N, C-alpha and C. Protein backbone atom coordinates (compact mmCIF):
# COMPACT_ATOMS: atom_id res chain seq x y z
N MET A 1 -10.49 12.02 -3.36
CA MET A 1 -9.43 10.93 -3.58
C MET A 1 -9.22 10.80 -5.11
N ALA A 2 -8.10 10.14 -5.49
CA ALA A 2 -7.76 9.97 -6.88
C ALA A 2 -8.73 9.14 -7.58
N ASP A 3 -8.97 9.48 -8.91
CA ASP A 3 -9.73 8.65 -9.72
C ASP A 3 -11.18 8.35 -9.13
N GLY A 4 -11.69 9.36 -8.45
CA GLY A 4 -13.01 9.16 -7.82
C GLY A 4 -13.11 8.07 -6.78
N VAL A 5 -12.01 7.52 -6.29
CA VAL A 5 -11.97 6.57 -5.26
C VAL A 5 -12.07 7.23 -3.90
N THR A 6 -12.97 6.79 -3.10
CA THR A 6 -13.17 7.30 -1.76
C THR A 6 -12.96 6.25 -0.74
N GLN A 7 -12.79 6.64 0.49
CA GLN A 7 -12.80 5.68 1.64
C GLN A 7 -14.23 5.09 1.75
N PRO A 8 -14.48 3.79 1.98
CA PRO A 8 -13.47 2.90 2.38
C PRO A 8 -12.73 2.05 1.34
N GLU A 9 -13.20 2.31 0.05
CA GLU A 9 -12.68 1.53 -1.08
C GLU A 9 -11.17 1.69 -1.22
N LEU A 10 -10.56 2.88 -1.06
CA LEU A 10 -9.20 3.11 -1.09
C LEU A 10 -8.47 2.28 -0.09
N GLN A 11 -9.12 2.28 1.16
CA GLN A 11 -8.42 1.51 2.22
C GLN A 11 -8.46 0.02 1.90
N ARG A 12 -9.59 -0.48 1.34
CA ARG A 12 -9.61 -1.91 0.94
C ARG A 12 -8.66 -2.25 -0.03
N ARG A 13 -8.40 -1.44 -1.06
CA ARG A 13 -7.38 -1.63 -2.13
C ARG A 13 -6.02 -1.65 -1.48
N THR A 14 -5.79 -0.82 -0.54
CA THR A 14 -4.47 -0.66 0.13
C THR A 14 -4.24 -1.94 0.89
N LEU A 15 -5.22 -2.45 1.62
CA LEU A 15 -5.07 -3.70 2.38
C LEU A 15 -4.66 -4.76 1.46
N ARG A 16 -5.29 -4.93 0.36
CA ARG A 16 -4.92 -5.99 -0.60
C ARG A 16 -3.51 -5.84 -1.12
N LEU A 17 -3.11 -4.69 -1.46
CA LEU A 17 -1.67 -4.48 -1.90
C LEU A 17 -0.67 -4.71 -0.79
N TYR A 18 -1.05 -4.39 0.44
CA TYR A 18 -0.19 -4.71 1.57
C TYR A 18 0.00 -6.19 1.67
N GLY A 19 -1.11 -6.96 1.44
CA GLY A 19 -1.08 -8.43 1.42
C GLY A 19 -0.24 -8.93 0.26
N GLU A 20 -0.46 -8.31 -0.93
CA GLU A 20 0.30 -8.73 -2.07
C GLU A 20 1.87 -8.64 -1.82
N LEU A 21 2.28 -7.66 -1.10
CA LEU A 21 3.70 -7.49 -0.80
C LEU A 21 4.13 -8.57 0.27
N LEU A 22 3.38 -8.63 1.37
CA LEU A 22 3.78 -9.55 2.40
C LEU A 22 3.71 -11.00 2.06
N CYS A 23 2.80 -11.40 1.18
CA CYS A 23 2.74 -12.86 0.78
C CYS A 23 3.94 -13.23 0.00
N ARG A 24 4.68 -12.28 -0.58
CA ARG A 24 5.88 -12.55 -1.40
C ARG A 24 7.14 -12.49 -0.56
N ARG A 25 7.14 -11.65 0.44
CA ARG A 25 8.35 -11.45 1.25
C ARG A 25 7.97 -10.77 2.56
N GLU A 26 8.56 -11.25 3.65
CA GLU A 26 8.28 -10.72 4.98
C GLU A 26 8.93 -9.37 5.13
N ASN A 27 10.15 -9.28 4.70
CA ASN A 27 11.00 -7.99 4.92
C ASN A 27 11.27 -7.27 3.55
N TRP A 28 10.71 -6.10 3.41
CA TRP A 28 10.89 -5.32 2.22
C TRP A 28 11.90 -4.22 2.35
N ALA A 29 12.63 -4.21 3.50
CA ALA A 29 13.62 -3.14 3.67
C ALA A 29 14.71 -3.20 2.62
N GLY A 30 14.99 -2.02 2.02
CA GLY A 30 16.05 -2.00 1.01
C GLY A 30 15.51 -2.50 -0.38
N LYS A 31 14.24 -2.66 -0.58
CA LYS A 31 13.72 -3.10 -1.76
C LYS A 31 12.89 -1.95 -2.44
N LEU A 32 12.91 -1.95 -3.78
CA LEU A 32 12.17 -0.98 -4.57
C LEU A 32 10.95 -1.67 -5.21
N VAL A 33 9.77 -1.03 -5.04
CA VAL A 33 8.55 -1.53 -5.66
C VAL A 33 7.99 -0.38 -6.40
N VAL A 34 7.33 -0.79 -7.56
CA VAL A 34 6.90 0.30 -8.52
C VAL A 34 5.45 -0.02 -9.01
N ALA A 35 4.68 1.07 -9.17
CA ALA A 35 3.38 0.93 -9.84
C ALA A 35 3.38 2.06 -10.89
N CYS A 36 3.43 1.66 -12.15
CA CYS A 36 3.60 2.58 -13.26
C CYS A 36 2.53 2.28 -14.28
N PHE A 37 1.36 2.87 -14.16
CA PHE A 37 0.23 2.69 -15.03
C PHE A 37 -0.80 3.73 -14.84
N GLY A 38 -1.62 3.93 -15.81
CA GLY A 38 -2.79 4.88 -15.66
C GLY A 38 -3.71 4.35 -14.59
N GLY A 39 -4.07 5.23 -13.72
CA GLY A 39 -4.99 4.82 -12.52
C GLY A 39 -4.15 4.43 -11.30
N ALA A 40 -2.85 4.40 -11.39
CA ALA A 40 -2.05 4.00 -10.21
C ALA A 40 -2.22 4.91 -9.01
N ALA A 41 -2.64 6.19 -9.30
CA ALA A 41 -2.88 7.12 -8.17
C ALA A 41 -3.90 6.72 -7.17
N GLY A 42 -4.87 5.88 -7.71
CA GLY A 42 -6.08 5.52 -6.81
C GLY A 42 -6.02 4.22 -6.20
N VAL A 43 -4.90 3.53 -6.19
CA VAL A 43 -4.89 2.16 -5.56
C VAL A 43 -4.26 2.08 -4.18
N GLY A 44 -3.63 3.19 -3.67
CA GLY A 44 -3.05 3.06 -2.34
C GLY A 44 -1.78 2.38 -2.25
N PHE A 45 -1.02 2.34 -3.42
CA PHE A 45 0.28 1.55 -3.43
C PHE A 45 1.30 2.09 -2.56
N GLY A 46 1.37 3.47 -2.53
CA GLY A 46 2.49 4.06 -1.67
C GLY A 46 2.29 3.78 -0.21
N ALA A 47 1.05 3.83 0.21
CA ALA A 47 0.70 3.49 1.65
C ALA A 47 1.03 2.06 1.91
N ALA A 48 0.56 1.11 1.06
CA ALA A 48 0.78 -0.23 1.26
C ALA A 48 2.28 -0.64 1.29
N ALA A 49 3.00 -0.02 0.43
CA ALA A 49 4.53 -0.27 0.35
C ALA A 49 5.16 0.26 1.60
N SER A 50 4.82 1.46 2.08
CA SER A 50 5.41 1.99 3.27
C SER A 50 5.10 1.15 4.47
N LEU A 51 3.89 0.63 4.60
CA LEU A 51 3.51 -0.16 5.69
C LEU A 51 4.33 -1.57 5.66
N ALA A 52 4.67 -1.99 4.43
CA ALA A 52 5.50 -3.22 4.33
C ALA A 52 6.88 -3.00 4.44
N GLY A 53 7.36 -1.68 4.49
CA GLY A 53 8.76 -1.34 4.73
C GLY A 53 9.58 -1.14 3.47
N ALA A 54 8.87 -1.00 2.27
CA ALA A 54 9.54 -0.82 1.07
C ALA A 54 9.77 0.60 0.64
N ALA A 55 10.64 0.87 -0.28
CA ALA A 55 10.71 2.11 -1.03
C ALA A 55 9.86 1.98 -2.23
N SER A 56 8.97 2.94 -2.52
CA SER A 56 8.06 2.78 -3.62
C SER A 56 8.03 3.98 -4.55
N LEU A 57 7.74 3.73 -5.84
CA LEU A 57 7.54 4.76 -6.78
C LEU A 57 6.18 4.54 -7.51
N THR A 58 5.33 5.43 -7.46
CA THR A 58 3.96 5.33 -8.14
C THR A 58 3.97 6.37 -9.31
N VAL A 59 3.71 5.92 -10.50
CA VAL A 59 3.76 6.80 -11.59
C VAL A 59 2.31 6.89 -12.28
N ASP A 60 1.79 8.05 -12.44
CA ASP A 60 0.54 8.21 -13.02
C ASP A 60 0.52 9.65 -13.63
N ALA A 61 -0.19 9.80 -14.78
CA ALA A 61 -0.25 11.14 -15.51
C ALA A 61 -1.45 11.95 -14.83
N ASP A 62 -2.25 11.39 -13.97
CA ASP A 62 -3.39 12.07 -13.33
C ASP A 62 -2.85 12.99 -12.33
N GLY A 63 -2.45 14.21 -12.69
CA GLY A 63 -1.93 15.12 -11.69
C GLY A 63 -2.83 15.48 -10.53
N ALA A 64 -4.14 15.63 -10.85
CA ALA A 64 -5.10 15.98 -9.68
C ALA A 64 -5.21 14.83 -8.79
N GLY A 65 -5.27 13.57 -9.32
CA GLY A 65 -5.35 12.44 -8.49
C GLY A 65 -4.14 12.17 -7.59
N MET A 66 -2.95 12.43 -8.17
CA MET A 66 -1.65 12.22 -7.52
C MET A 66 -1.57 13.31 -6.42
N LYS A 67 -1.92 14.52 -6.61
CA LYS A 67 -1.95 15.61 -5.61
C LYS A 67 -2.89 15.29 -4.52
N ALA A 68 -4.07 14.73 -4.85
CA ALA A 68 -5.02 14.40 -3.73
C ALA A 68 -4.46 13.28 -2.87
N HIS A 69 -3.81 12.28 -3.48
CA HIS A 69 -3.15 11.21 -2.72
C HIS A 69 -2.07 11.71 -1.83
N PHE A 70 -1.32 12.68 -2.41
CA PHE A 70 -0.21 13.25 -1.64
C PHE A 70 -0.72 13.94 -0.46
N ARG A 71 -1.81 14.77 -0.62
CA ARG A 71 -2.40 15.57 0.49
C ARG A 71 -2.93 14.62 1.57
N ASP A 72 -3.40 13.42 1.14
CA ASP A 72 -3.92 12.41 2.04
C ASP A 72 -2.88 11.65 2.81
N GLY A 73 -1.58 11.84 2.48
CA GLY A 73 -0.50 11.27 3.12
C GLY A 73 0.14 9.94 2.40
N GLY A 74 -0.46 9.67 1.20
CA GLY A 74 -0.05 8.48 0.49
C GLY A 74 1.42 8.53 -0.01
N PHE A 75 1.89 9.83 -0.26
CA PHE A 75 3.36 9.88 -0.71
C PHE A 75 4.05 10.82 0.28
N ASP A 76 5.30 10.54 0.44
CA ASP A 76 6.23 11.40 1.23
C ASP A 76 6.63 12.59 0.33
N PHE A 77 6.82 12.33 -0.89
CA PHE A 77 7.24 13.42 -1.94
C PHE A 77 6.51 13.13 -3.19
N LEU A 78 6.15 14.27 -3.88
CA LEU A 78 5.45 14.27 -5.14
C LEU A 78 6.44 14.97 -6.14
N VAL A 79 6.84 14.39 -7.22
CA VAL A 79 7.85 14.93 -8.12
C VAL A 79 7.36 14.82 -9.60
N ASN A 80 8.16 15.53 -10.44
CA ASN A 80 7.75 15.63 -11.83
C ASN A 80 8.65 14.95 -12.83
N THR A 81 9.87 14.52 -12.34
CA THR A 81 10.78 13.81 -13.24
C THR A 81 11.28 12.57 -12.56
N LEU A 82 11.80 11.65 -13.37
CA LEU A 82 12.35 10.46 -12.88
C LEU A 82 13.71 10.75 -12.12
N ASP A 83 14.43 11.76 -12.60
CA ASP A 83 15.65 12.09 -11.89
C ASP A 83 15.35 12.45 -10.41
N GLU A 84 14.32 13.25 -10.26
CA GLU A 84 13.95 13.73 -8.83
C GLU A 84 13.54 12.51 -8.04
N ALA A 85 12.78 11.58 -8.68
CA ALA A 85 12.33 10.40 -7.94
C ALA A 85 13.50 9.56 -7.53
N LEU A 86 14.47 9.30 -8.45
CA LEU A 86 15.62 8.36 -8.12
C LEU A 86 16.50 8.97 -7.11
N ARG A 87 16.66 10.34 -7.15
CA ARG A 87 17.42 11.00 -6.05
C ARG A 87 16.84 10.70 -4.75
N ALA A 88 15.52 10.82 -4.61
CA ALA A 88 14.87 10.66 -3.31
C ALA A 88 15.00 9.12 -2.91
N LEU A 89 14.83 8.21 -3.80
CA LEU A 89 14.84 6.86 -3.52
C LEU A 89 16.12 6.28 -3.12
N LYS A 90 17.17 6.74 -3.79
CA LYS A 90 18.52 6.04 -3.71
C LYS A 90 18.95 5.90 -2.31
N ASN A 91 19.05 6.95 -1.55
CA ASN A 91 19.49 6.85 -0.19
C ASN A 91 18.61 5.95 0.72
N GLU A 92 17.34 6.13 0.53
CA GLU A 92 16.40 5.35 1.38
C GLU A 92 16.50 3.81 1.12
N VAL A 93 16.66 3.50 -0.18
CA VAL A 93 16.84 2.07 -0.52
C VAL A 93 18.12 1.59 0.15
N ARG A 94 19.14 2.33 0.01
CA ARG A 94 20.50 1.95 0.57
C ARG A 94 20.40 1.78 2.07
N LYS A 95 19.66 2.65 2.75
CA LYS A 95 19.57 2.61 4.22
C LYS A 95 18.42 1.59 4.62
N GLY A 96 17.70 1.08 3.72
CA GLY A 96 16.72 0.11 4.05
C GLY A 96 15.48 0.78 4.76
N ARG A 97 15.19 2.10 4.35
CA ARG A 97 14.03 2.76 4.92
C ARG A 97 12.92 2.90 3.96
N ALA A 98 11.71 2.86 4.46
CA ALA A 98 10.51 3.04 3.66
C ALA A 98 10.37 4.49 3.29
N ILE A 99 9.94 4.65 2.00
CA ILE A 99 9.66 5.93 1.51
C ILE A 99 8.72 5.80 0.31
N ALA A 100 7.77 6.76 0.07
CA ALA A 100 6.79 6.63 -1.03
C ALA A 100 6.87 7.89 -1.89
N ILE A 101 7.29 7.67 -3.12
CA ILE A 101 7.47 8.74 -4.07
C ILE A 101 6.40 8.65 -5.10
N GLY A 102 5.68 9.75 -5.33
CA GLY A 102 4.74 9.91 -6.41
C GLY A 102 5.31 10.69 -7.57
N LEU A 103 5.24 10.20 -8.79
CA LEU A 103 5.79 10.89 -9.95
C LEU A 103 4.60 11.15 -10.94
N ILE A 104 4.41 12.38 -11.20
CA ILE A 104 3.36 12.76 -12.18
C ILE A 104 4.03 12.73 -13.54
N GLY A 105 3.66 11.77 -14.40
CA GLY A 105 4.20 11.57 -15.65
C GLY A 105 3.53 10.57 -16.46
N GLU A 106 3.77 10.51 -17.75
CA GLU A 106 3.09 9.47 -18.56
C GLU A 106 3.74 8.14 -18.30
N PRO A 107 3.02 7.15 -17.84
CA PRO A 107 3.58 5.91 -17.41
C PRO A 107 4.43 5.15 -18.54
N LEU A 108 4.02 5.11 -19.77
CA LEU A 108 4.76 4.49 -20.80
C LEU A 108 6.14 5.16 -20.98
N ALA A 109 6.12 6.42 -20.99
CA ALA A 109 7.38 7.14 -21.22
C ALA A 109 8.27 6.95 -19.99
N VAL A 110 7.71 7.06 -18.78
CA VAL A 110 8.61 6.84 -17.61
C VAL A 110 9.19 5.40 -17.48
N GLN A 111 8.30 4.48 -17.87
CA GLN A 111 8.74 3.08 -17.85
C GLN A 111 9.88 2.80 -18.82
N ALA A 112 9.72 3.46 -20.02
CA ALA A 112 10.79 3.34 -21.10
C ALA A 112 12.06 4.01 -20.56
N GLU A 113 11.94 5.12 -19.84
CA GLU A 113 13.21 5.74 -19.33
C GLU A 113 13.78 4.90 -18.20
N MET A 114 12.99 4.30 -17.37
CA MET A 114 13.55 3.48 -16.35
C MET A 114 14.24 2.20 -16.94
N ASP A 115 13.64 1.66 -17.96
CA ASP A 115 14.26 0.49 -18.75
C ASP A 115 15.59 0.93 -19.30
N GLU A 116 15.63 2.11 -19.92
CA GLU A 116 16.81 2.56 -20.56
C GLU A 116 17.95 2.89 -19.58
N ARG A 117 17.55 3.30 -18.36
CA ARG A 117 18.52 3.57 -17.27
C ARG A 117 18.79 2.33 -16.42
N GLY A 118 18.24 1.23 -16.64
CA GLY A 118 18.50 0.05 -15.93
C GLY A 118 17.90 0.03 -14.45
N VAL A 119 16.86 0.71 -14.30
CA VAL A 119 16.12 0.71 -13.02
C VAL A 119 15.36 -0.52 -12.83
N GLN A 120 15.77 -1.37 -11.99
CA GLN A 120 15.06 -2.65 -11.76
C GLN A 120 14.23 -2.67 -10.41
N ALA A 121 13.00 -2.89 -10.57
CA ALA A 121 12.07 -3.00 -9.40
C ALA A 121 12.16 -4.41 -8.82
N ASP A 122 12.08 -4.54 -7.45
CA ASP A 122 11.95 -5.87 -6.87
C ASP A 122 10.58 -6.43 -6.93
N PHE A 123 9.60 -5.52 -7.16
CA PHE A 123 8.25 -5.91 -7.42
C PHE A 123 7.58 -4.76 -8.23
N ALA A 124 6.84 -5.17 -9.33
CA ALA A 124 6.18 -4.19 -10.24
C ALA A 124 4.62 -4.57 -10.16
N LEU A 125 3.86 -3.66 -9.72
CA LEU A 125 2.40 -3.80 -9.69
C LEU A 125 1.85 -3.53 -11.11
N ARG A 126 0.96 -4.48 -11.55
CA ARG A 126 0.30 -4.24 -12.83
C ARG A 126 -1.12 -3.68 -12.56
N ALA A 127 -1.73 -3.12 -13.55
CA ALA A 127 -3.05 -2.56 -13.40
C ALA A 127 -4.08 -3.68 -13.04
N GLY A 128 -5.10 -3.40 -12.31
CA GLY A 128 -6.07 -4.36 -11.99
C GLY A 128 -6.19 -4.43 -10.44
N ASN A 129 -7.39 -4.97 -10.04
CA ASN A 129 -7.60 -5.06 -8.61
C ASN A 129 -7.94 -6.44 -8.03
N ALA A 130 -7.65 -7.40 -8.95
CA ALA A 130 -7.98 -8.92 -8.51
C ALA A 130 -6.95 -9.37 -7.61
N LEU A 131 -7.31 -10.18 -6.63
CA LEU A 131 -6.35 -10.82 -5.70
C LEU A 131 -5.54 -11.88 -6.46
N SER A 132 -4.21 -11.78 -6.28
CA SER A 132 -3.39 -12.83 -6.96
C SER A 132 -3.52 -14.24 -6.31
N GLU A 133 -3.12 -15.17 -7.07
CA GLU A 133 -3.12 -16.56 -6.51
C GLU A 133 -2.22 -16.65 -5.31
N GLU A 134 -1.14 -15.94 -5.30
CA GLU A 134 -0.23 -15.94 -4.12
C GLU A 134 -0.91 -15.36 -2.88
N LEU A 135 -1.56 -14.24 -3.07
CA LEU A 135 -2.29 -13.62 -1.95
C LEU A 135 -3.42 -14.50 -1.46
N GLN A 136 -4.20 -15.03 -2.37
CA GLN A 136 -5.30 -15.90 -2.02
C GLN A 136 -4.81 -17.12 -1.16
N GLY A 137 -3.71 -17.64 -1.62
CA GLY A 137 -3.09 -18.82 -0.83
C GLY A 137 -2.67 -18.37 0.54
N TRP A 138 -2.01 -17.21 0.64
CA TRP A 138 -1.47 -16.69 1.84
C TRP A 138 -2.61 -16.45 2.86
N LEU A 139 -3.75 -15.93 2.39
CA LEU A 139 -4.87 -15.70 3.21
C LEU A 139 -5.51 -16.98 3.69
N ARG A 140 -5.65 -17.96 2.74
CA ARG A 140 -6.23 -19.21 3.07
C ARG A 140 -5.38 -19.96 4.13
N GLU A 141 -4.13 -19.86 4.16
CA GLU A 141 -3.23 -20.52 5.09
C GLU A 141 -3.53 -19.98 6.54
N ARG A 142 -3.86 -18.68 6.63
CA ARG A 142 -4.13 -18.10 7.93
C ARG A 142 -5.60 -18.04 8.27
N GLY A 143 -6.49 -18.49 7.34
CA GLY A 143 -7.92 -18.44 7.54
C GLY A 143 -8.49 -17.06 7.60
N TRP A 144 -7.85 -16.11 6.90
CA TRP A 144 -8.21 -14.73 6.99
C TRP A 144 -9.13 -14.35 5.78
N ALA A 145 -10.13 -13.41 6.12
CA ALA A 145 -10.90 -12.83 5.05
C ALA A 145 -11.10 -11.42 5.46
N GLU A 146 -11.41 -10.58 4.51
CA GLU A 146 -11.57 -9.14 4.71
C GLU A 146 -12.83 -8.86 5.45
N ARG A 147 -12.77 -8.10 6.58
CA ARG A 147 -13.88 -7.68 7.41
C ARG A 147 -13.66 -6.27 7.84
N GLU A 148 -14.74 -5.59 8.23
CA GLU A 148 -14.60 -4.29 8.94
C GLU A 148 -14.68 -4.38 10.38
N VAL A 149 -13.82 -3.71 11.04
CA VAL A 149 -13.85 -3.72 12.59
C VAL A 149 -13.70 -2.22 13.00
N GLY A 150 -13.91 -2.01 14.29
CA GLY A 150 -13.70 -0.68 14.88
C GLY A 150 -12.27 -0.34 14.80
N ALA A 151 -11.94 0.98 14.61
CA ALA A 151 -10.59 1.53 14.53
C ALA A 151 -9.79 1.20 15.77
N GLU A 152 -10.46 0.94 16.90
CA GLU A 152 -9.71 0.72 18.14
C GLU A 152 -9.29 -0.77 18.38
N ALA A 153 -9.80 -1.67 17.49
CA ALA A 153 -9.40 -3.09 17.59
C ALA A 153 -7.86 -3.28 17.59
N ALA A 154 -7.42 -4.19 18.36
CA ALA A 154 -5.97 -4.43 18.45
C ALA A 154 -5.67 -5.91 18.22
N PHE A 155 -4.48 -6.15 17.64
CA PHE A 155 -4.09 -7.56 17.27
C PHE A 155 -2.69 -7.67 17.81
N GLU A 156 -2.36 -8.96 18.11
CA GLU A 156 -1.02 -9.24 18.62
C GLU A 156 -0.07 -9.61 17.54
N ASP A 157 -0.49 -10.11 16.40
CA ASP A 157 0.45 -10.40 15.27
C ASP A 157 0.92 -9.14 14.64
N ALA A 158 2.10 -9.16 14.17
CA ALA A 158 2.81 -7.89 13.60
C ALA A 158 2.05 -7.36 12.32
N VAL A 159 1.63 -8.26 11.53
CA VAL A 159 1.02 -7.82 10.29
C VAL A 159 -0.20 -6.95 10.46
N ARG A 160 -1.12 -7.46 11.25
CA ARG A 160 -2.41 -6.73 11.46
C ARG A 160 -2.16 -5.62 12.46
N SER A 161 -1.40 -5.74 13.44
CA SER A 161 -1.12 -4.73 14.38
C SER A 161 -0.57 -3.45 13.70
N ARG A 162 0.45 -3.67 12.83
CA ARG A 162 1.03 -2.55 12.00
C ARG A 162 -0.03 -1.92 11.23
N TRP A 163 -0.82 -2.66 10.58
CA TRP A 163 -1.91 -2.13 9.69
C TRP A 163 -2.81 -1.23 10.49
N MET A 164 -3.39 -1.71 11.60
CA MET A 164 -4.26 -0.90 12.46
C MET A 164 -3.61 0.34 13.07
N ARG A 165 -2.37 0.09 13.50
CA ARG A 165 -1.68 1.22 14.16
C ARG A 165 -1.21 2.34 13.23
N GLU A 166 -0.76 1.97 12.07
CA GLU A 166 -0.03 2.93 11.16
C GLU A 166 -0.77 3.42 9.90
N LEU A 167 -1.86 2.76 9.60
CA LEU A 167 -2.50 3.11 8.26
C LEU A 167 -2.84 4.65 8.24
N ALA A 168 -3.33 5.23 9.30
CA ALA A 168 -3.76 6.55 9.26
C ALA A 168 -2.67 7.50 9.02
N LYS A 169 -1.32 7.09 9.25
CA LYS A 169 -0.21 7.95 8.91
C LYS A 169 -0.09 8.13 7.39
N HIS A 170 -0.51 7.12 6.61
CA HIS A 170 -0.37 7.16 5.21
C HIS A 170 -1.66 7.40 4.49
N GLN A 171 -2.76 7.31 5.21
CA GLN A 171 -4.13 7.74 4.64
C GLN A 171 -4.85 8.44 5.68
N ARG A 172 -4.68 9.79 5.74
CA ARG A 172 -5.33 10.56 6.74
C ARG A 172 -6.86 10.43 6.69
N SER A 173 -7.38 10.20 5.53
CA SER A 173 -8.89 10.07 5.43
C SER A 173 -9.45 8.87 6.15
N VAL A 174 -8.66 8.02 6.74
CA VAL A 174 -9.25 6.83 7.43
C VAL A 174 -9.30 7.07 8.97
N ARG A 175 -8.93 8.18 9.52
CA ARG A 175 -8.88 8.45 10.93
C ARG A 175 -10.33 8.26 11.48
N GLY A 176 -10.36 7.44 12.58
CA GLY A 176 -11.70 7.19 13.17
C GLY A 176 -12.48 6.16 12.32
N GLY A 177 -13.67 5.88 12.71
CA GLY A 177 -14.57 4.98 11.97
C GLY A 177 -14.10 3.60 11.97
N LEU A 178 -14.37 2.85 10.87
CA LEU A 178 -14.08 1.46 10.71
C LEU A 178 -12.79 1.22 9.96
N ARG A 179 -12.23 0.04 10.13
CA ARG A 179 -11.07 -0.35 9.37
C ARG A 179 -11.37 -1.70 8.71
N TRP A 180 -10.94 -1.80 7.46
CA TRP A 180 -10.90 -3.09 6.85
C TRP A 180 -9.66 -3.82 7.41
N VAL A 181 -9.72 -5.03 7.69
CA VAL A 181 -8.66 -5.83 8.19
C VAL A 181 -9.03 -7.34 7.86
N TRP A 182 -8.08 -8.25 8.05
CA TRP A 182 -8.27 -9.70 7.93
C TRP A 182 -8.58 -10.38 9.09
N LEU A 183 -9.71 -11.13 9.20
CA LEU A 183 -10.14 -11.83 10.38
C LEU A 183 -10.36 -13.28 10.08
N THR A 184 -10.12 -14.13 11.11
CA THR A 184 -10.54 -15.52 11.00
C THR A 184 -12.11 -15.55 11.19
N PRO A 185 -12.78 -16.66 10.83
CA PRO A 185 -14.26 -16.71 11.12
C PRO A 185 -14.50 -16.52 12.63
N ASP A 186 -13.70 -17.13 13.47
CA ASP A 186 -13.99 -16.98 14.92
C ASP A 186 -13.82 -15.47 15.39
N GLU A 187 -12.76 -14.85 14.85
CA GLU A 187 -12.57 -13.48 15.19
C GLU A 187 -13.67 -12.60 14.68
N ALA A 188 -14.23 -12.92 13.59
CA ALA A 188 -15.26 -12.18 12.97
C ALA A 188 -16.53 -12.21 13.88
N GLU A 189 -16.67 -13.33 14.55
CA GLU A 189 -17.86 -13.49 15.49
C GLU A 189 -17.60 -12.69 16.73
N GLU A 190 -16.36 -12.68 17.21
CA GLU A 190 -16.05 -11.93 18.38
C GLU A 190 -15.93 -10.43 18.25
N LEU A 191 -15.67 -10.06 16.92
CA LEU A 191 -15.48 -8.62 16.59
C LEU A 191 -16.43 -8.12 15.66
N PRO A 192 -17.78 -8.14 16.00
CA PRO A 192 -18.76 -7.75 15.02
C PRO A 192 -18.75 -6.19 14.89
N ARG A 193 -17.67 -5.66 14.21
CA ARG A 193 -17.51 -4.24 14.02
C ARG A 193 -17.32 -3.57 15.35
N GLY A 194 -16.79 -4.35 16.31
CA GLY A 194 -16.43 -3.79 17.67
C GLY A 194 -15.04 -3.54 17.77
N GLY A 195 -14.55 -3.47 19.03
CA GLY A 195 -13.16 -3.09 19.25
C GLY A 195 -12.51 -3.80 20.39
N ILE A 196 -12.64 -5.18 20.51
CA ILE A 196 -12.02 -5.77 21.58
C ILE A 196 -10.57 -6.32 21.09
N ASN A 197 -9.71 -6.55 21.95
CA ASN A 197 -8.40 -7.12 21.58
C ASN A 197 -8.53 -8.65 21.10
N VAL A 198 -7.74 -8.98 20.16
CA VAL A 198 -7.81 -10.33 19.54
C VAL A 198 -6.38 -10.89 19.63
N SER A 199 -6.30 -12.07 20.21
CA SER A 199 -5.01 -12.72 20.31
C SER A 199 -4.82 -13.68 19.12
N PRO A 200 -3.66 -13.99 18.69
CA PRO A 200 -3.46 -14.89 17.52
C PRO A 200 -3.94 -16.30 17.96
N GLU A 201 -4.38 -17.04 17.01
CA GLU A 201 -4.81 -18.45 17.25
C GLU A 201 -3.62 -19.36 17.69
């Protein structure tokens, strides 16, 4: 994995980014989200954005890390120029379809080019892995905390159901085994790393 990040840490970072998007907006169709900084290859941003329904651009100069993430399913396309990235993104944003583009490039230079060309993101991820106040509040409202459960666990709410059902499409390295997901304290007691169905409260 990129930047020495392996499962399950990559999965946990991706879950947090999935939450960062959903706590700000329920529907990301037709929206562009961007992660443009050193180390972006290793945070799972493309997978999180695709799960949330957004079109995403991840920019990092770490070619080996970006290629590893692409092979794992984190990007639909891996490109070397902003022109290539924008061509791929334009139609998908217009059609409201999720797509994840990885761009191998120097983040400061690419960001300057985006600014010069007037490319405006609907959400821009900054470096760091701390939970935002928005996400913390969103999780508190639901009584959710990060826990590991069996990959076969099923949920009726759309947020967690999509996560459990579709994550492996974007991170092949998580197939089988355990999944990080958000549970209430009651659910955590019922699902001690097991795999029973959980209904919403």
